[in-house]
Amino acid sequence: MAELNINNLELDDNTFEVLPEGDYHFTVASHEVGYYSGNSKKIPENTQQVTCELEIPTTDRTVTLRSNLFICKKMLFLVRTFAECVGMVPEKGKMNVDLNKMDGMSGVCLITTVEGNNGNEFNRVEKFYPPSKAPAVTLNDDAWAKKDGFMDVGDADDELPFI
């Protein structure tokens, strides 16, 4: 059996970063459709699940956050708020979502910090805002503008609004 030499392993820069709680701009980087096989009282087993990778720009890097949408009666309101948030369905209109069109769409969400079973903190999306009710975002506004090419970066010695 071959021996693994861990001294020569190269790791990519996928370090885990917990964002401060607050409202953030996001873009759907990708999604995948599967079936839930976990253990929950709210979500039946084998429920269709859509996992979205949300890219959240910060001043120095882009953070990726995974968010799950479950296609079942009890959780359908979350699917609807997500679809309204990214403009896939009108507010208060009929919901007809084409999952193939969600990549690249953007919106504003509330991110909170929760403690996992192992005691580590992690982020989760608490709420997706419909465009008409989206709050003014300050936590990643500068990075969002820079990402879209609308901001003059200025002097590198300027203080960052947050880290």
N, C-alpha and C. Protein backbone atom coordinates (compact mmCIF):
# COMPACT_ATOMS: atom_id res chain seq x y z
N MET A 1 0.84 -1.18 0.00
CA MET A 1 0.00 0.00 0.00
C MET A 1 0.89 1.25 0.00
N ALA A 2 0.55 2.22 -0.86
CA ALA A 2 1.35 3.43 -0.97
C ALA A 2 1.15 4.31 0.26
N GLU A 3 2.21 5.03 0.62
CA GLU A 3 2.16 5.90 1.78
C GLU A 3 1.91 7.32 1.30
N LEU A 4 1.06 8.05 2.00
CA LEU A 4 0.75 9.43 1.65
C LEU A 4 1.69 10.36 2.40
N ASN A 5 2.42 11.20 1.68
CA ASN A 5 3.32 12.16 2.29
C ASN A 5 2.59 13.49 2.39
N ILE A 6 2.14 13.83 3.60
CA ILE A 6 1.34 15.06 3.76
C ILE A 6 2.20 16.31 3.78
N ASN A 7 3.52 16.17 3.86
CA ASN A 7 4.39 17.34 3.88
C ASN A 7 4.43 18.04 2.53
N ASN A 8 4.12 17.34 1.45
CA ASN A 8 4.18 17.94 0.13
C ASN A 8 2.80 18.25 -0.46
N LEU A 9 1.77 18.15 0.36
CA LEU A 9 0.42 18.47 -0.14
C LEU A 9 0.27 19.97 -0.32
N GLU A 10 -0.25 20.36 -1.46
CA GLU A 10 -0.54 21.77 -1.68
C GLU A 10 -2.03 21.98 -1.53
N LEU A 11 -2.40 22.93 -0.70
CA LEU A 11 -3.81 23.23 -0.47
C LEU A 11 -4.16 24.53 -1.18
N ASP A 12 -5.35 24.57 -1.75
CA ASP A 12 -5.77 25.82 -2.36
C ASP A 12 -6.26 26.75 -1.26
N ASP A 13 -6.57 27.97 -1.61
CA ASP A 13 -6.93 28.99 -0.62
C ASP A 13 -8.42 28.98 -0.33
N ASN A 14 -8.98 27.84 -0.01
CA ASN A 14 -10.40 27.74 0.35
C ASN A 14 -10.55 27.79 1.86
N THR A 15 -9.99 28.82 2.48
CA THR A 15 -10.11 28.94 3.92
C THR A 15 -11.53 29.37 4.27
N PHE A 16 -11.99 28.90 5.40
CA PHE A 16 -13.35 29.18 5.84
C PHE A 16 -13.38 30.54 6.51
N GLU A 17 -14.33 31.38 6.11
CA GLU A 17 -14.43 32.72 6.66
C GLU A 17 -15.87 32.96 7.09
N VAL A 18 -16.06 33.36 8.35
CA VAL A 18 -17.39 33.70 8.86
C VAL A 18 -17.58 35.20 8.66
N LEU A 19 -18.62 35.56 7.92
CA LEU A 19 -18.92 36.97 7.68
C LEU A 19 -19.65 37.56 8.89
N PRO A 20 -19.48 38.85 9.15
CA PRO A 20 -20.27 39.49 10.19
C PRO A 20 -21.75 39.45 9.80
N GLU A 21 -22.64 39.38 10.79
CA GLU A 21 -24.07 39.36 10.49
C GLU A 21 -24.48 40.66 9.82
N GLY A 22 -25.41 40.56 8.89
CA GLY A 22 -25.91 41.75 8.23
C GLY A 22 -26.47 41.45 6.85
N ASP A 23 -26.83 42.51 6.15
CA ASP A 23 -27.40 42.41 4.81
C ASP A 23 -26.28 42.49 3.77
N TYR A 24 -26.35 41.60 2.77
CA TYR A 24 -25.30 41.52 1.75
C TYR A 24 -25.89 41.37 0.36
N HIS A 25 -25.22 41.98 -0.62
CA HIS A 25 -25.48 41.69 -2.02
C HIS A 25 -24.91 40.30 -2.31
N PHE A 26 -25.54 39.56 -3.21
CA PHE A 26 -25.01 38.27 -3.60
C PHE A 26 -25.32 38.01 -5.07
N THR A 27 -24.58 37.09 -5.66
CA THR A 27 -24.84 36.58 -7.00
C THR A 27 -24.86 35.07 -6.93
N VAL A 28 -25.81 34.44 -7.62
CA VAL A 28 -25.87 32.98 -7.66
C VAL A 28 -24.77 32.51 -8.62
N ALA A 29 -23.75 31.85 -8.07
CA ALA A 29 -22.64 31.37 -8.88
C ALA A 29 -23.02 30.08 -9.60
N SER A 30 -23.70 29.19 -8.90
CA SER A 30 -24.11 27.92 -9.48
C SER A 30 -25.18 27.29 -8.60
N HIS A 31 -25.78 26.24 -9.12
CA HIS A 31 -26.77 25.50 -8.33
C HIS A 31 -26.76 24.04 -8.77
N GLU A 32 -27.22 23.19 -7.90
CA GLU A 32 -27.38 21.78 -8.26
C GLU A 32 -28.68 21.28 -7.63
N VAL A 33 -29.31 20.36 -8.32
CA VAL A 33 -30.57 19.80 -7.86
C VAL A 33 -30.32 18.36 -7.41
N GLY A 34 -30.83 18.03 -6.25
CA GLY A 34 -30.66 16.68 -5.72
C GLY A 34 -31.84 16.34 -4.82
N TYR A 35 -31.64 15.36 -3.97
CA TYR A 35 -32.69 14.94 -3.04
C TYR A 35 -32.14 14.93 -1.63
N TYR A 36 -32.93 15.45 -0.70
CA TYR A 36 -32.56 15.54 0.70
C TYR A 36 -32.59 14.15 1.33
N SER A 37 -31.51 13.80 2.00
CA SER A 37 -31.46 12.49 2.65
C SER A 37 -31.12 12.63 4.13
N GLY A 38 -31.32 13.84 4.67
CA GLY A 38 -30.98 14.09 6.06
C GLY A 38 -32.07 13.66 7.02
N ASN A 39 -31.95 14.12 8.24
CA ASN A 39 -32.87 13.77 9.29
C ASN A 39 -33.48 15.04 9.86
N SER A 40 -34.71 15.35 9.49
CA SER A 40 -35.37 16.56 9.94
C SER A 40 -36.85 16.31 10.14
N LYS A 41 -37.41 16.97 11.14
CA LYS A 41 -38.85 16.86 11.37
C LYS A 41 -39.63 17.75 10.40
N LYS A 42 -38.99 18.80 9.89
CA LYS A 42 -39.66 19.73 8.98
C LYS A 42 -39.63 19.27 7.53
N ILE A 43 -38.56 18.56 7.16
CA ILE A 43 -38.35 18.23 5.75
C ILE A 43 -38.41 16.72 5.57
N PRO A 44 -39.36 16.24 4.78
CA PRO A 44 -39.45 14.79 4.54
C PRO A 44 -38.24 14.28 3.76
N GLU A 45 -37.86 13.04 4.01
CA GLU A 45 -36.76 12.42 3.28
C GLU A 45 -37.12 12.32 1.80
N ASN A 46 -36.13 12.38 0.95
CA ASN A 46 -36.27 12.34 -0.51
C ASN A 46 -37.01 13.54 -1.09
N THR A 47 -37.01 14.65 -0.38
CA THR A 47 -37.56 15.90 -0.91
C THR A 47 -36.55 16.50 -1.89
N GLN A 48 -37.05 17.05 -2.99
CA GLN A 48 -36.14 17.69 -3.95
C GLN A 48 -35.47 18.88 -3.27
N GLN A 49 -34.17 19.01 -3.48
CA GLN A 49 -33.38 20.04 -2.83
C GLN A 49 -32.56 20.77 -3.89
N VAL A 50 -32.55 22.10 -3.83
CA VAL A 50 -31.73 22.91 -4.71
C VAL A 50 -30.67 23.58 -3.84
N THR A 51 -29.41 23.30 -4.12
CA THR A 51 -28.31 23.90 -3.38
C THR A 51 -27.72 25.00 -4.24
N CYS A 52 -27.76 26.23 -3.72
CA CYS A 52 -27.23 27.39 -4.45
C CYS A 52 -25.90 27.81 -3.84
N GLU A 53 -24.95 28.11 -4.70
CA GLU A 53 -23.69 28.68 -4.27
C GLU A 53 -23.80 30.18 -4.49
N LEU A 54 -23.82 30.94 -3.41
CA LEU A 54 -23.95 32.39 -3.47
C LEU A 54 -22.58 33.02 -3.32
N GLU A 55 -22.20 33.87 -4.26
CA GLU A 55 -20.94 34.60 -4.17
C GLU A 55 -21.21 35.95 -3.55
N ILE A 56 -20.48 36.25 -2.45
CA ILE A 56 -20.67 37.50 -1.73
C ILE A 56 -19.35 38.24 -1.75
N PRO A 57 -19.27 39.33 -2.52
CA PRO A 57 -18.01 40.06 -2.59
C PRO A 57 -17.76 40.85 -1.31
N THR A 58 -16.55 40.77 -0.79
CA THR A 58 -16.11 41.62 0.30
C THR A 58 -14.98 42.48 -0.26
N THR A 59 -14.43 43.35 0.55
CA THR A 59 -13.43 44.28 0.02
C THR A 59 -12.17 43.59 -0.46
N ASP A 60 -11.83 42.41 0.09
CA ASP A 60 -10.58 41.79 -0.30
C ASP A 60 -10.73 40.45 -1.01
N ARG A 61 -11.92 39.87 -1.02
CA ARG A 61 -12.13 38.59 -1.68
C ARG A 61 -13.61 38.32 -1.85
N THR A 62 -13.93 37.25 -2.56
CA THR A 62 -15.32 36.84 -2.72
C THR A 62 -15.55 35.60 -1.87
N VAL A 63 -16.55 35.66 -1.01
CA VAL A 63 -16.88 34.55 -0.12
C VAL A 63 -18.03 33.76 -0.75
N THR A 64 -17.93 32.44 -0.73
CA THR A 64 -18.99 31.59 -1.26
C THR A 64 -19.76 30.98 -0.10
N LEU A 65 -21.07 31.09 -0.15
CA LEU A 65 -21.95 30.57 0.88
C LEU A 65 -22.97 29.65 0.22
N ARG A 66 -23.13 28.45 0.74
CA ARG A 66 -24.11 27.50 0.20
C ARG A 66 -25.43 27.69 0.93
N SER A 67 -26.50 27.69 0.16
CA SER A 67 -27.84 27.81 0.74
C SER A 67 -28.75 26.77 0.10
N ASN A 68 -29.50 26.05 0.92
CA ASN A 68 -30.38 24.99 0.42
C ASN A 68 -31.83 25.47 0.36
N LEU A 69 -32.48 25.14 -0.74
CA LEU A 69 -33.91 25.39 -0.92
C LEU A 69 -34.58 24.03 -1.06
N PHE A 70 -35.59 23.79 -0.25
CA PHE A 70 -36.27 22.49 -0.27
C PHE A 70 -37.64 22.65 -0.92
N ILE A 71 -37.94 21.77 -1.87
CA ILE A 71 -39.19 21.84 -2.62
C ILE A 71 -40.21 20.93 -1.93
N CYS A 72 -40.79 21.44 -0.86
CA CYS A 72 -41.86 20.74 -0.15
C CYS A 72 -42.83 21.79 0.39
N LYS A 73 -44.02 21.37 0.74
CA LYS A 73 -45.09 22.29 1.12
C LYS A 73 -44.69 23.22 2.27
N LYS A 74 -44.03 22.68 3.29
CA LYS A 74 -43.66 23.48 4.46
C LYS A 74 -42.59 24.52 4.17
N MET A 75 -41.77 24.29 3.16
CA MET A 75 -40.65 25.18 2.87
C MET A 75 -40.81 25.98 1.58
N LEU A 76 -41.95 25.88 0.94
CA LEU A 76 -42.16 26.54 -0.35
C LEU A 76 -42.07 28.06 -0.25
N PHE A 77 -42.41 28.62 0.91
CA PHE A 77 -42.31 30.07 1.07
C PHE A 77 -40.86 30.55 0.91
N LEU A 78 -39.87 29.73 1.31
CA LEU A 78 -38.47 30.11 1.14
C LEU A 78 -38.06 30.11 -0.33
N VAL A 79 -38.57 29.15 -1.07
CA VAL A 79 -38.30 29.11 -2.51
C VAL A 79 -38.88 30.35 -3.16
N ARG A 80 -40.09 30.72 -2.75
CA ARG A 80 -40.75 31.90 -3.31
C ARG A 80 -39.97 33.17 -2.99
N THR A 81 -39.54 33.34 -1.72
CA THR A 81 -38.81 34.57 -1.37
C THR A 81 -37.48 34.64 -2.12
N PHE A 82 -36.83 33.50 -2.32
CA PHE A 82 -35.60 33.49 -3.12
C PHE A 82 -35.90 33.92 -4.55
N ALA A 83 -36.93 33.33 -5.15
CA ALA A 83 -37.28 33.63 -6.54
C ALA A 83 -37.67 35.10 -6.70
N GLU A 84 -38.38 35.66 -5.73
CA GLU A 84 -38.71 37.09 -5.77
C GLU A 84 -37.45 37.93 -5.64
N CYS A 85 -36.56 37.54 -4.74
CA CYS A 85 -35.34 38.28 -4.46
C CYS A 85 -34.49 38.46 -5.72
N VAL A 86 -34.32 37.40 -6.49
CA VAL A 86 -33.46 37.48 -7.68
C VAL A 86 -34.23 37.86 -8.94
N GLY A 87 -35.53 38.14 -8.81
CA GLY A 87 -36.32 38.61 -9.95
C GLY A 87 -36.84 37.51 -10.86
N MET A 88 -36.91 36.27 -10.38
CA MET A 88 -37.41 35.18 -11.21
C MET A 88 -38.93 35.16 -11.28
N VAL A 89 -39.58 35.68 -10.26
CA VAL A 89 -41.04 35.78 -10.24
C VAL A 89 -41.41 37.15 -9.69
N PRO A 90 -42.55 37.71 -10.11
CA PRO A 90 -42.97 39.00 -9.56
C PRO A 90 -43.47 38.82 -8.13
N GLU A 91 -43.35 39.88 -7.35
CA GLU A 91 -43.90 39.83 -6.00
C GLU A 91 -45.41 39.66 -6.10
N LYS A 92 -45.92 38.76 -5.32
CA LYS A 92 -47.37 38.48 -5.25
C LYS A 92 -47.93 37.88 -6.53
N GLY A 93 -47.09 37.56 -7.49
CA GLY A 93 -47.56 36.97 -8.73
C GLY A 93 -47.49 35.45 -8.69
N LYS A 94 -47.87 34.83 -9.79
CA LYS A 94 -47.81 33.38 -9.91
C LYS A 94 -46.36 32.92 -9.92
N MET A 95 -46.09 31.82 -9.21
CA MET A 95 -44.72 31.33 -9.13
C MET A 95 -44.50 30.23 -10.15
N ASN A 96 -43.65 30.52 -11.11
CA ASN A 96 -43.24 29.55 -12.11
C ASN A 96 -41.73 29.74 -12.28
N VAL A 97 -40.93 28.91 -11.62
CA VAL A 97 -39.49 29.10 -11.54
C VAL A 97 -38.77 28.15 -12.49
N ASP A 98 -37.92 28.72 -13.35
CA ASP A 98 -37.06 27.93 -14.22
C ASP A 98 -35.68 27.87 -13.57
N LEU A 99 -35.35 26.74 -12.95
CA LEU A 99 -34.09 26.62 -12.22
C LEU A 99 -32.87 26.82 -13.10
N ASN A 100 -32.99 26.57 -14.40
CA ASN A 100 -31.85 26.71 -15.31
C ASN A 100 -31.45 28.16 -15.51
N LYS A 101 -32.30 29.11 -15.11
CA LYS A 101 -32.00 30.53 -15.32
C LYS A 101 -31.48 31.23 -14.07
N MET A 102 -31.31 30.52 -12.96
CA MET A 102 -30.95 31.21 -11.71
C MET A 102 -29.47 31.59 -11.63
N ASP A 103 -28.59 30.88 -12.31
CA ASP A 103 -27.17 31.22 -12.26
C ASP A 103 -26.94 32.62 -12.82
N GLY A 104 -26.16 33.41 -12.11
CA GLY A 104 -25.86 34.77 -12.53
C GLY A 104 -26.83 35.80 -12.00
N MET A 105 -27.95 35.38 -11.43
CA MET A 105 -28.93 36.33 -10.89
C MET A 105 -28.42 36.84 -9.54
N SER A 106 -28.87 38.03 -9.15
CA SER A 106 -28.37 38.61 -7.91
C SER A 106 -29.50 39.23 -7.10
N GLY A 107 -29.20 39.47 -5.84
CA GLY A 107 -30.18 40.05 -4.92
C GLY A 107 -29.51 40.45 -3.62
N VAL A 108 -30.34 40.65 -2.59
CA VAL A 108 -29.85 41.04 -1.27
C VAL A 108 -30.42 40.06 -0.25
N CYS A 109 -29.56 39.61 0.67
CA CYS A 109 -30.01 38.67 1.70
C CYS A 109 -29.47 39.08 3.07
N LEU A 110 -30.13 38.58 4.10
CA LEU A 110 -29.68 38.76 5.48
C LEU A 110 -28.90 37.52 5.87
N ILE A 111 -27.66 37.70 6.29
CA ILE A 111 -26.82 36.60 6.72
C ILE A 111 -26.65 36.67 8.23
N THR A 112 -26.86 35.53 8.90
CA THR A 112 -26.68 35.46 10.34
C THR A 112 -25.57 34.45 10.64
N THR A 113 -25.14 34.46 11.88
CA THR A 113 -24.13 33.52 12.35
C THR A 113 -24.80 32.57 13.34
N VAL A 114 -24.58 31.29 13.16
CA VAL A 114 -25.14 30.28 14.06
C VAL A 114 -24.02 29.35 14.51
N GLU A 115 -24.27 28.67 15.62
CA GLU A 115 -23.29 27.72 16.14
C GLU A 115 -23.69 26.31 15.74
N GLY A 116 -22.75 25.58 15.17
CA GLY A 116 -23.00 24.21 14.75
C GLY A 116 -22.91 23.24 15.92
N ASN A 117 -23.21 21.97 15.65
CA ASN A 117 -23.16 20.94 16.68
C ASN A 117 -21.77 20.76 17.28
N ASN A 118 -20.74 21.07 16.48
CA ASN A 118 -19.36 20.91 16.94
C ASN A 118 -18.81 22.15 17.65
N GLY A 119 -19.66 23.18 17.81
CA GLY A 119 -19.25 24.39 18.49
C GLY A 119 -18.68 25.46 17.58
N ASN A 120 -18.44 25.14 16.31
CA ASN A 120 -17.92 26.13 15.37
C ASN A 120 -19.05 27.02 14.86
N GLU A 121 -18.71 28.26 14.58
CA GLU A 121 -19.69 29.18 14.01
C GLU A 121 -19.68 29.08 12.49
N PHE A 122 -20.85 29.30 11.90
CA PHE A 122 -20.94 29.35 10.45
C PHE A 122 -22.07 30.31 10.08
N ASN A 123 -22.07 30.73 8.81
CA ASN A 123 -23.10 31.65 8.32
C ASN A 123 -24.23 30.87 7.68
N ARG A 124 -25.41 31.47 7.71
CA ARG A 124 -26.54 30.95 6.95
C ARG A 124 -27.38 32.13 6.50
N VAL A 125 -28.09 31.90 5.40
CA VAL A 125 -29.00 32.93 4.90
C VAL A 125 -30.27 32.85 5.73
N GLU A 126 -30.56 33.93 6.42
CA GLU A 126 -31.76 34.00 7.26
C GLU A 126 -32.97 34.45 6.44
N LYS A 127 -32.71 35.33 5.46
CA LYS A 127 -33.83 35.92 4.71
C LYS A 127 -33.34 36.41 3.36
N PHE A 128 -34.15 36.20 2.33
CA PHE A 128 -33.94 36.80 1.01
C PHE A 128 -34.94 37.94 0.89
N TYR A 129 -34.46 39.13 0.51
CA TYR A 129 -35.34 40.30 0.41
C TYR A 129 -35.89 40.46 -1.01
N PRO A 130 -37.21 40.72 -1.15
CA PRO A 130 -37.71 41.10 -2.47
C PRO A 130 -37.12 42.47 -2.84
N PRO A 131 -36.94 42.75 -4.12
CA PRO A 131 -36.29 44.02 -4.51
C PRO A 131 -36.95 45.27 -3.91
N SER A 132 -38.28 45.28 -3.78
CA SER A 132 -38.95 46.48 -3.27
C SER A 132 -38.73 46.67 -1.77
N LYS A 133 -38.30 45.63 -1.07
CA LYS A 133 -38.10 45.71 0.38
C LYS A 133 -36.65 45.52 0.79
N ALA A 134 -35.75 45.49 -0.17
CA ALA A 134 -34.33 45.29 0.14
C ALA A 134 -33.79 46.51 0.87
N PRO A 135 -33.13 46.29 2.00
CA PRO A 135 -32.56 47.41 2.75
C PRO A 135 -31.32 47.97 2.05
N ALA A 136 -30.94 49.16 2.48
CA ALA A 136 -29.69 49.72 1.98
C ALA A 136 -28.55 48.88 2.55
N VAL A 137 -27.71 48.37 1.70
CA VAL A 137 -26.63 47.49 2.13
C VAL A 137 -25.37 48.30 2.31
N THR A 138 -24.73 48.16 3.47
CA THR A 138 -23.49 48.89 3.71
C THR A 138 -22.31 47.95 3.90
N LEU A 139 -22.55 46.70 4.31
CA LEU A 139 -21.44 45.81 4.64
C LEU A 139 -20.56 45.46 3.44
N ASN A 140 -21.16 45.32 2.26
CA ASN A 140 -20.31 45.00 1.11
C ASN A 140 -20.59 45.91 -0.09
N ASP A 141 -21.11 47.11 0.15
CA ASP A 141 -21.40 48.04 -0.95
C ASP A 141 -20.17 48.39 -1.76
N ASP A 142 -19.06 48.71 -1.07
CA ASP A 142 -17.85 49.10 -1.80
C ASP A 142 -17.34 47.96 -2.67
N ALA A 143 -17.33 46.76 -2.14
CA ALA A 143 -16.86 45.60 -2.91
C ALA A 143 -17.82 45.30 -4.05
N TRP A 144 -19.12 45.46 -3.83
CA TRP A 144 -20.12 45.21 -4.86
C TRP A 144 -19.92 46.18 -6.02
N ALA A 145 -19.71 47.46 -5.69
CA ALA A 145 -19.49 48.47 -6.73
C ALA A 145 -18.20 48.18 -7.48
N LYS A 146 -17.16 47.78 -6.76
CA LYS A 146 -15.88 47.47 -7.39
C LYS A 146 -16.02 46.27 -8.33
N LYS A 147 -16.79 45.26 -7.90
CA LYS A 147 -17.00 44.06 -8.71
C LYS A 147 -17.67 44.42 -10.04
N ASP A 148 -18.59 45.35 -9.99
CA ASP A 148 -19.32 45.74 -11.18
C ASP A 148 -18.61 46.84 -11.96
N GLY A 149 -17.45 47.28 -11.48
CA GLY A 149 -16.65 48.24 -12.22
C GLY A 149 -17.06 49.69 -12.04
N PHE A 150 -17.81 50.01 -10.99
CA PHE A 150 -18.28 51.37 -10.82
C PHE A 150 -17.51 52.16 -9.77
N MET A 151 -16.51 51.55 -9.16
CA MET A 151 -15.84 52.24 -8.06
C MET A 151 -14.39 52.49 -8.40
N ASP A 152 -13.93 53.69 -8.09
CA ASP A 152 -12.52 54.00 -8.19
C ASP A 152 -11.87 53.47 -6.90
N VAL A 153 -10.95 52.54 -7.04
CA VAL A 153 -10.37 51.89 -5.87
C VAL A 153 -9.57 52.89 -5.05
N GLY A 154 -8.94 53.87 -5.67
CA GLY A 154 -8.21 54.89 -4.93
C GLY A 154 -6.88 54.39 -4.42
N ASP A 155 -6.38 55.05 -3.39
CA ASP A 155 -5.08 54.73 -2.82
C ASP A 155 -5.16 53.46 -1.98
N ALA A 156 -4.19 52.59 -2.12
CA ALA A 156 -4.17 51.33 -1.38
C ALA A 156 -4.01 51.55 0.11
N ASP A 157 -3.57 52.75 0.53
CA ASP A 157 -3.38 53.01 1.96
C ASP A 157 -4.67 53.46 2.65
N ASP A 158 -5.76 53.68 1.87
CA ASP A 158 -7.02 54.07 2.47
C ASP A 158 -7.52 52.97 3.39
N GLU A 159 -8.22 53.38 4.45
CA GLU A 159 -8.79 52.39 5.37
C GLU A 159 -9.98 51.71 4.72
N LEU A 160 -10.12 50.42 4.96
CA LEU A 160 -11.25 49.67 4.44
C LEU A 160 -12.43 49.85 5.40
N PRO A 161 -13.68 49.85 4.89
CA PRO A 161 -14.83 50.04 5.75
C PRO A 161 -15.03 48.88 6.72
N PHE A 162 -14.56 47.72 6.39
CA PHE A 162 -14.63 46.55 7.29
C PHE A 162 -13.66 45.50 6.79
N ILE A 163 -13.37 44.59 7.63
CA ILE A 163 -12.48 43.48 7.23
C ILE A 163 -13.11 42.18 7.61
